[in-house]
Amino acid sequence: MIIDAHCHVWPDEIARKVLADRPVGLDPVHDGTLDGLRRTMDAAGIDMALTLAVANVGRTVRRTNEFVGRVDRSRFVPFGTVHPDLSVEENLAALRDNGVVGVKLHPLFQEVAFADERTREILVALAENNIPVLAHVGSGGDAHQNERGAPKSLHEMMAAISGLRLIAAHYGGYQVLDEAERWTVGTDIHLETSWPPSMGILPPERVISIIRRHGADRVVYGSDWPMTDPATEIAAIRALGLSPEDENAILGGNLAKLLGIDLPASG
């Protein structure tokens, strides 16, 4: 089973507007809609995907979770949104009322900082309710945005919060892999493999070293759809020459275990 941990989606009428205003050098290769994601998954042989929906401001948290909560659960796992402008209970209610099973944090686009006490209060509540979190970690914006999601801040945050199931996107440090190797590799989190425009631009020997030092059982495949092509990212993982057991675990088994998704019987 292949499960993509990192797929951004928007309502059809919003996707085109959102993708028209992306950072230079990150041109989308797919359309950002649920139908587009399903077609991409079918073409790439992907069984399931985490559908990530992010509210940049507090007032759109509930309707964002309403949207992602309506996805087809046979193919999609809804990861919704929280925001520090809302109370802890308002955030939890917006997730619970829509059956959203996880949360995507995006320090580049939200007023969310790992060092912010308001963010930590929400994450403590998510940990207490066993709600997993996938977070953008690293750079990609201006200096202030990058500081909000810095690997060192993530390390300090995780030391202060007990029991949080966290997946750190981009090997724990997008565009700052040296910092990721210092602060996130080897810690008690899951690392996710996406690296726009493609993880294929990373030296394979460095990726293999990170996987071995962190533990292949705590690494999960993600593409960062629609900014990258999932089939290309899967091929890059398969080209690493990992053992079949480690390759299968990274491509889906580890994430299935983390989220409690039943794997098909082998044989």
Protein backbone atom coordinates (compact mmCIF):
# COMPACT_ATOMS: atom_id res chain seq x y z
CA MET A 1 0.00 0.00 0.00
CA ILE A 2 1.23 3.48 -0.90
CA ILE A 3 0.00 6.40 1.19
CA ASP A 4 0.91 9.98 0.32
CA ALA A 5 1.29 12.00 3.52
CA HIS A 6 1.34 15.45 1.93
CA CYS A 7 -1.38 16.57 -0.48
CA HIS A 8 -2.82 20.08 -0.33
CA VAL A 9 -6.41 20.46 -1.54
CA TRP A 10 -8.86 23.32 -1.94
CA PRO A 11 -12.45 23.68 -3.17
CA ASP A 12 -12.52 23.78 -6.96
CA GLU A 13 -13.39 27.48 -7.13
CA ILE A 14 -10.54 28.41 -4.78
CA ALA A 15 -7.74 26.12 -6.00
CA ARG A 16 -6.94 28.11 -9.14
CA LYS A 17 -6.74 31.40 -7.23
CA VAL A 18 -4.51 29.93 -4.53
CA LEU A 19 -2.11 28.29 -6.95
CA ALA A 20 -1.78 31.46 -9.03
CA ASP A 21 0.02 33.11 -6.11
CA ARG A 22 2.80 30.71 -5.18
CA PRO A 23 6.47 31.34 -4.34
CA VAL A 24 8.84 31.79 -7.26
CA GLY A 25 10.34 28.47 -8.30
CA LEU A 26 7.43 26.39 -7.02
CA ASP A 27 5.08 26.22 -9.96
CA PRO A 28 2.27 23.70 -9.41
CA VAL A 29 2.21 20.65 -11.65
CA HIS A 30 -1.37 19.63 -10.76
CA ASP A 31 -4.60 21.53 -10.09
CA GLY A 32 -5.13 21.26 -6.31
CA THR A 33 -8.67 19.84 -6.52
CA LEU A 34 -9.94 16.61 -5.00
CA ASP A 35 -10.83 15.21 -8.43
CA GLY A 36 -7.38 16.15 -9.69
CA LEU A 37 -5.75 14.43 -6.73
CA ARG A 38 -7.76 11.26 -7.30
CA ARG A 39 -6.66 11.17 -10.95
CA THR A 40 -3.04 11.71 -9.92
CA MET A 41 -3.25 8.93 -7.34
CA ASP A 42 -4.76 6.50 -9.83
CA ALA A 43 -2.01 7.26 -12.37
CA ALA A 44 0.77 6.86 -9.78
CA GLY A 45 -0.61 3.76 -8.05
CA ILE A 46 -1.28 5.57 -4.75
CA ASP A 47 -3.90 3.93 -2.56
CA MET A 48 -4.60 6.70 -0.05
CA ALA A 49 -3.57 10.29 0.63
CA LEU A 50 -3.67 12.71 3.49
CA THR A 51 -5.68 15.70 2.26
CA LEU A 52 -4.34 18.84 3.92
CA ALA A 53 -6.45 21.97 4.30
CA VAL A 54 -5.06 25.09 5.98
CA ALA A 55 -6.84 28.21 7.23
CA ASN A 56 -4.60 31.28 7.18
CA VAL A 57 -6.86 33.15 9.62
CA GLY A 58 -9.05 32.06 12.51
CA ARG A 59 -12.37 33.04 10.93
CA THR A 60 -11.98 30.45 8.15
CA VAL A 61 -11.05 27.49 10.38
CA ARG A 62 -14.55 26.04 10.63
CA ARG A 63 -15.44 26.24 6.94
CA THR A 64 -12.03 24.86 5.98
CA ASN A 65 -12.63 21.85 8.22
CA GLU A 66 -16.15 21.48 6.85
CA PHE A 67 -14.67 21.22 3.36
CA VAL A 68 -11.95 18.69 4.16
CA GLY A 69 -14.27 16.70 6.44
CA ARG A 70 -16.44 15.81 3.43
CA VAL A 71 -13.73 13.92 1.52
CA ASP A 72 -14.14 10.31 0.41
CA ARG A 73 -12.72 8.36 3.35
CA SER A 74 -12.01 5.29 1.20
CA ARG A 75 -9.16 7.20 -0.50
CA PHE A 76 -8.55 10.32 1.55
CA VAL A 77 -7.60 10.97 5.20
CA PRO A 78 -8.72 14.48 6.20
CA PHE A 79 -6.11 16.63 7.92
CA GLY A 80 -7.64 19.98 8.76
CA THR A 81 -6.69 23.18 10.45
CA VAL A 82 -6.41 25.08 13.71
CA HIS A 83 -5.44 28.67 14.43
CA PRO A 84 -4.22 30.50 17.56
CA ASP A 85 -6.77 33.29 17.01
CA LEU A 86 -9.38 30.79 18.27
CA SER A 87 -9.65 29.21 21.69
CA VAL A 88 -8.48 25.65 22.23
CA GLU A 89 -12.07 24.46 22.52
CA GLU A 90 -13.16 26.29 19.34
CA ASN A 91 -10.33 24.61 17.44
CA LEU A 92 -11.14 21.17 18.83
CA ALA A 93 -14.85 21.59 18.09
CA ALA A 94 -14.15 22.55 14.47
CA LEU A 95 -12.17 19.32 14.06
CA ARG A 96 -14.53 17.09 16.02
CA ASP A 97 -17.76 18.36 14.42
CA ASN A 98 -16.42 17.53 10.96
CA GLY A 99 -14.73 14.22 11.71
CA VAL A 100 -11.28 15.61 10.87
CA VAL A 101 -8.66 13.15 12.12
CA GLY A 102 -5.45 15.21 11.93
CA VAL A 103 -4.06 18.73 11.65
CA LYS A 104 -1.70 20.48 9.22
CA LEU A 105 0.33 23.36 10.66
CA HIS A 106 1.93 25.76 8.20
CA PRO A 107 4.10 28.48 9.78
CA LEU A 108 4.72 30.08 6.37
CA PHE A 109 1.07 30.85 5.71
CA GLN A 110 -0.48 30.91 9.19
CA GLU A 111 0.32 33.06 12.21
CA VAL A 112 1.57 29.88 13.83
CA ALA A 113 4.97 29.69 15.51
CA PHE A 114 6.44 26.69 17.31
CA ALA A 115 7.68 29.02 20.06
CA ASP A 116 4.29 30.72 20.54
CA GLU A 117 2.57 29.72 23.78
CA ARG A 118 -0.84 29.89 22.04
CA THR A 119 0.31 27.35 19.46
CA ARG A 120 1.70 25.10 22.17
CA GLU A 121 -1.58 25.20 24.12
CA ILE A 122 -3.42 23.95 21.04
CA LEU A 123 -0.83 21.23 20.43
CA VAL A 124 -1.06 20.04 24.04
CA ALA A 125 -4.81 19.64 23.53
CA LEU A 126 -4.24 17.77 20.26
CA ALA A 127 -1.82 15.43 22.03
CA GLU A 128 -4.33 14.85 24.83
CA ASN A 129 -6.97 13.97 22.22
CA ASN A 130 -4.55 11.75 20.23
CA ILE A 131 -4.83 13.91 17.12
CA PRO A 132 -1.73 13.69 14.89
CA VAL A 133 -0.09 16.77 13.38
CA LEU A 134 1.85 17.25 10.15
CA ALA A 135 3.88 20.47 10.23
CA HIS A 136 5.88 22.36 7.66
CA VAL A 137 9.34 22.73 9.15
CA GLY A 138 12.09 24.90 7.72
CA SER A 139 12.22 27.83 5.33
CA GLY A 140 10.42 28.93 2.18
CA GLY A 141 9.29 32.42 3.17
CA ASP A 142 10.72 35.63 4.58
CA ALA A 143 12.92 35.73 7.68
CA HIS A 144 9.98 36.09 10.07
CA GLN A 145 8.05 33.22 8.49
CA ASN A 146 11.13 31.02 8.48
CA GLU A 147 11.78 31.67 12.16
CA ARG A 148 8.22 30.59 13.07
CA GLY A 149 8.91 27.11 11.71
CA ALA A 150 12.62 26.71 12.42
CA PRO A 151 13.94 23.21 13.27
CA LYS A 152 15.42 24.45 16.55
CA SER A 153 12.03 25.85 17.60
CA LEU A 154 10.39 22.54 16.70
CA HIS A 155 12.94 20.69 18.84
CA GLU A 156 12.25 22.95 21.81
CA MET A 157 8.50 22.67 21.33
CA MET A 158 8.56 18.87 21.22
CA ALA A 159 10.61 18.79 24.43
CA ALA A 160 7.83 20.77 26.12
CA ILE A 161 4.84 18.70 24.87
CA SER A 162 4.35 15.10 25.88
CA GLY A 163 2.70 12.51 23.66
CA LEU A 164 2.27 14.57 20.50
CA ARG A 165 2.26 12.46 17.32
CA LEU A 166 4.09 14.78 14.93
CA ILE A 167 5.20 14.38 11.34
CA ALA A 168 7.86 16.91 10.31
CA ALA A 169 7.58 17.70 6.61
CA HIS A 170 10.60 18.06 4.34
CA TYR A 171 12.94 15.89 6.44
CA GLY A 172 12.39 18.35 9.28
CA GLY A 173 13.98 21.37 7.61
CA TYR A 174 12.99 22.57 4.15
CA GLN A 175 15.91 24.41 2.53
CA VAL A 176 17.85 24.16 5.83
CA LEU A 177 18.84 20.52 5.87
CA ASP A 178 21.92 21.18 8.00
CA GLU A 179 19.64 22.53 10.74
CA ALA A 180 17.29 19.59 10.30
CA GLU A 181 20.13 17.12 10.80
CA ARG A 182 21.13 18.94 13.98
CA TRP A 183 17.69 19.43 15.54
CA THR A 184 15.22 16.88 14.13
CA VAL A 185 17.02 13.83 12.79
CA GLY A 186 17.13 11.19 15.51
CA THR A 187 14.35 12.73 17.61
CA ASP A 188 11.03 11.11 18.53
CA ILE A 189 9.06 12.33 15.52
CA HIS A 190 8.30 11.06 12.03
CA LEU A 191 10.11 12.63 9.09
CA GLU A 192 8.31 13.14 5.79
CA THR A 193 10.17 12.99 2.48
CA SER A 194 8.84 15.82 0.29
CA TRP A 195 11.33 18.39 -1.01
CA PRO A 196 9.86 20.67 -3.69
CA PRO A 197 10.45 20.87 -6.56
CA SER A 198 11.58 17.24 -6.06
CA MET A 199 13.50 15.20 -3.51
CA GLY A 200 15.47 14.00 -6.52
CA ILE A 201 17.58 17.18 -6.24
CA LEU A 202 18.95 15.99 -2.87
CA PRO A 203 22.09 13.83 -2.91
CA PRO A 204 20.86 10.24 -2.53
CA GLU A 205 23.66 9.35 -0.13
CA ARG A 206 22.57 12.17 2.19
CA VAL A 207 18.95 11.02 2.14
CA ILE A 208 20.02 7.43 2.89
CA SER A 209 22.17 8.66 5.78
CA ILE A 210 19.24 10.61 7.25
CA ILE A 211 16.93 7.61 6.96
CA ARG A 212 19.43 5.29 8.61
CA ARG A 213 20.22 7.67 11.47
CA HIS A 214 16.59 8.55 12.11
CA GLY A 215 15.27 5.04 11.61
CA ALA A 216 13.45 3.85 8.50
CA ASP A 217 10.48 2.93 10.71
CA ARG A 218 9.90 6.64 11.41
CA VAL A 219 10.09 8.03 7.87
CA VAL A 220 6.97 8.49 5.70
CA TYR A 221 6.59 9.28 2.03
CA GLY A 222 4.94 12.56 1.05
CA SER A 223 4.87 14.41 -2.26
CA ASP A 224 3.66 17.98 -1.47
CA TRP A 225 1.04 17.66 -4.21
CA PRO A 226 0.15 19.69 -6.27
CA MET A 227 3.58 21.36 -6.23
CA THR A 228 5.32 18.12 -7.21
CA ASP A 229 4.46 14.99 -9.17
CA PRO A 230 3.91 12.02 -6.82
CA ALA A 231 5.04 9.41 -9.36
CA THR A 232 8.39 11.19 -9.67
CA GLU A 233 8.77 11.31 -5.88
CA ILE A 234 7.94 7.61 -5.49
CA ALA A 235 10.52 6.78 -8.15
CA ALA A 236 13.12 8.83 -6.25
CA ILE A 237 12.49 6.81 -3.08
CA ARG A 238 12.69 3.53 -4.98
CA ALA A 239 15.97 4.66 -6.56
CA LEU A 240 17.63 4.90 -3.13
CA GLY A 241 18.24 1.15 -3.07
CA LEU A 242 16.67 0.55 0.34
CA SER A 243 15.68 -2.93 1.40
CA PRO A 244 12.18 -3.98 0.24
CA GLU A 245 11.03 -3.90 3.87
CA ASP A 246 12.24 -0.35 4.46
CA GLU A 247 10.98 0.87 1.10
CA ASN A 248 7.50 -0.53 1.70
CA ALA A 249 7.43 0.90 5.22
CA ILE A 250 8.34 4.38 4.02
CA LEU A 251 5.91 4.33 1.10
CA GLY A 252 2.94 3.43 3.28
CA GLY A 253 3.44 0.99 6.12
CA ASN A 254 4.80 3.47 8.64
CA LEU A 255 2.04 5.99 8.06
CA ALA A 256 -0.63 3.28 8.18
CA LYS A 257 0.72 2.19 11.58
CA LEU A 258 0.89 5.77 12.87
CA LEU A 259 -2.69 6.53 11.84
CA GLY A 260 -4.22 3.11 12.50
CA ILE A 261 -5.02 2.36 8.84
CA ASP A 262 -5.51 -1.32 8.10
CA LEU A 263 -3.09 -2.68 5.55
CA PRO A 264 -4.24 -5.29 3.02
CA ALA A 265 -3.27 -8.84 3.84
CA SER A 266 -0.10 -9.94 2.04
CA GLY A 267 -0.12 -12.94 -0.22
